[in-house]
Amino acid sequence: MSASYEVRDGVAVITLNNPPVNGLGYATRRGIADGVDRALADPAVRAIVLTGAGRAFSGGADIREFGTPKAIAEPNLLSVIKLLDDATKPVVAAVHGTVMGGGLELALSAHYRVAAPGTNVALPEVKLGLLPGAGGTQRLPRVVGVETALNMIVKGDPVKSELLAALPGQKLFAKIVDGDLVAGAVAFANEVAAAHAGGQPLPRVRDLPLAHPNADAYFQFARNTVRAMAPNFPAPLRCVDCVAKAVECAGRKAFDEGLRYEREAFAALMLTPESKALRHAFFAERAASKIPDVPEDTPARKIAKVGVIGAGTMGGGITMNFLNAGIPVTVLETRQEALDRGVATIRRNYESQVKKGKLKADRFEQRMALLSTSLSYDDLKDADLIIEAVFEEMGVKEAVFRKLDQIARPGAILASNTSTLDVDRIAAFTQRPQDVVGMHFFSPANVMKLLEVVRGKATAKDVLATVMAVAKIIRKTAVVSGVCDGFIGNRMIEQYGRQAGFLLEEGCTPEQVDRAIEKFGFAMGPFRMGDLAGNDIGWAIRKRRYVEKPGLRYSKTADLLCEMGRFGQKTGAGWYDYAPGQRKAIASPAVVEMIAKHRAELGIAPRRISDDEIVQRLVFSLVNEGARILQEGIASKASDIDMVYLTGYGFPLWRGGPMCYADTVGLFNVVHAMKRFAANPHDDADFWQPAPLLAKLAAEGGSFNP
């Protein structure tokens, strides 16, 4: 059993014991139920205390049982909650650390609750596209009020126990217990047992009154707000409906009707593509840290000091990640002016956070105190991890790594921030290729969550384990990629960009393409993205491609744009025009004229292209290349590809990533759409040849993410 039972001073103490967060798996539910039955049958037991072992009361459902028969096996959570609700002896939930989701719903079924200071309380189901399904929307409003409860349920964020305990008239916590929580709970349980010894009815949350003085107007306002803030997510709106139902049912004393309404809403949301996508992303993020041939118990190297080579935009952003985590960093540059500019930028970024109230002044000074600068490689001799963030050119990388090989201490990890270059070639510039790894941060590096960890053929397993652990410390989502041109993200985005260019040649404008894909949910379309990143970067890559892969076809529009000197926002002109100091993209007549002239030279009569075709051609280009990456073993699983695109490329979260989206559409339908595109004389038939893995899965009725 994952719950223990003992009697202390006439009180049965049932302790959830299912590490790491006491998830409410089958064995834990069974243990609670058996413990309650045992306590109720024992005349020597006056009351029951329900608590959690370790650092949490309960984080809710046990994610290890999701999708298995055990997840719903009796006693399910609803049955356990009813057992507590109907208990004839006082039940006190003693919560600490984390009390979330089903864990909070379980606590709400107790007669009383006491909490340790600093307990995190939440109903986070909305983050999985769901709503609390075991009475959370019906009970929480009764103990903290309608508006507080609705905010907690719709946002899903944790709230500290002290803040909730301070609410006027709250009935969530009977008291906050300083010191030994279980001892305090046992003492309190004996007090309430004595108070009810004369047969007075035990208080149940379900019986508490619930009302709102302006319910109709308030809930209409809440619905309008939720529609505006989360237009692509159905769950927040259903949360509002359920809390409104709780108020309605309270007026008619029909609690069970509210429970049924909540359960039906929960079941309906479970079937939505948005919830499936969010649940996929939830599991994909956790799965990304698992490398098939690197055991979880692989010893990691100690990372106490970090060196960063390059104080530019990337180097500065990378540095801030480590300073934020309390890790000292030495930044190396070739010129003092470059160092001064880099440090000034870091300081400005932190000062901006202080002004916005996101960072306390003393924390700002602590972080800056961890920063050292140098013009000499010798000052990196004691670094445990050195990350180069220099110009994306192999000759420059070679000079850096040959120097690092001379000065870095044995066992130091040498990482390249390269976005496309061959990590195996870079490793070969050293006598220690086992210590070399790619750490591809995304710009701005201090903001973007994604870290592509590029595994070279010689990269040691403990190096991978260390980098994955470091990623968690600096709050990045790390995804492992094998070595290839562009790794996972940029290799796929190249095909996306190629297809965007073909759309221009056939009749689209940049703003039409961007508008269609942004309506689909991307944070930014391909042409606005190009202007932000710098169109000259893509131009340099294409020049290399023309030599390496002369048969690979690109639209010439992007080259013509660069020949006009329109490199993007940094030059005030790219695919769009930009007013001085502004980032707003303004349609450019000069670009439209350039595209039309080029189209005429190709002899292509422009045609009307629907938004649906634009979206399918762009997204399915990602999917097809993703299938090749998966088949080649560059990514170990499809969900890793989805995480790259969700956290690094602005793919809409509610669609779950390109591979998840393809599964939702159906791979049979993806392949048939690709056949239509291949028949287009102005597209590239070779481009739309389905990857063997995609063709195989489509023929078998399979999916990328089973």
Foldseek 3Di string as FASTA:
>chain_A
DQWDWDADPQEIEIEGHDPDASACWLVSLVSLVVRLVVLLPDPSHQEYEYAYPDQWRHAYHDVVCPPHPRQVDPVHLLVSLVSQLPRPHAYEYETGREQEQSSLLSRQSGLAYEYEFFYWYAHQCVLLLFFRQNCLLQQPCLFQNLVVSLVRGLHGGTDTPVVSVPHPRGRHHPYHDPDDRVVVRVVVSVVVSVVCVVPDDGHHSLLGAHADPPLVVVLVVQLVVCCVPPVPRPHSNLSSVLNSVSRVCSVVSNSVVSSVSSNVRRVVSVPDLLSVLSVLLVVLLVCQLDDPVQDLPQDADDFQEEEEEFLPQQSLLVLVLCLLLVHAYEYEYQDPVRVVVSLVVNLVVVVVCVVVVNDPPVSSVSSSVSYHYDHDPLVCQAGQEYEYDDDQDVVVLLVVLLVCLVRHDPNRAYEYQHQFDFQQVSLVSHPCSLRYWYWHAAPSRNPFQETEIEDEPNHHSNNSSHVSVVSVSSRHRYHYFYGDGRTQVGVLVVLLQQLVLLLLLQADAQVLLQVLVVVVPFPTGPQLVQQVVWLVVVVVVVVVCCVVPVPDDGRCLSVVQVVVVAGHVVVQHGSAGHDVPGSDGHHDPVSNVSSVVSSVVVVHDHDDDDSVLSNLSSLLSSVQVLQVSCVVVRGVASSSSQNCCVRHGRDHSSCNRSQSVCVVVFLLVSLVSLVVVLPPPSHPVVSSPHDPRSVVCNVVRHGRHD
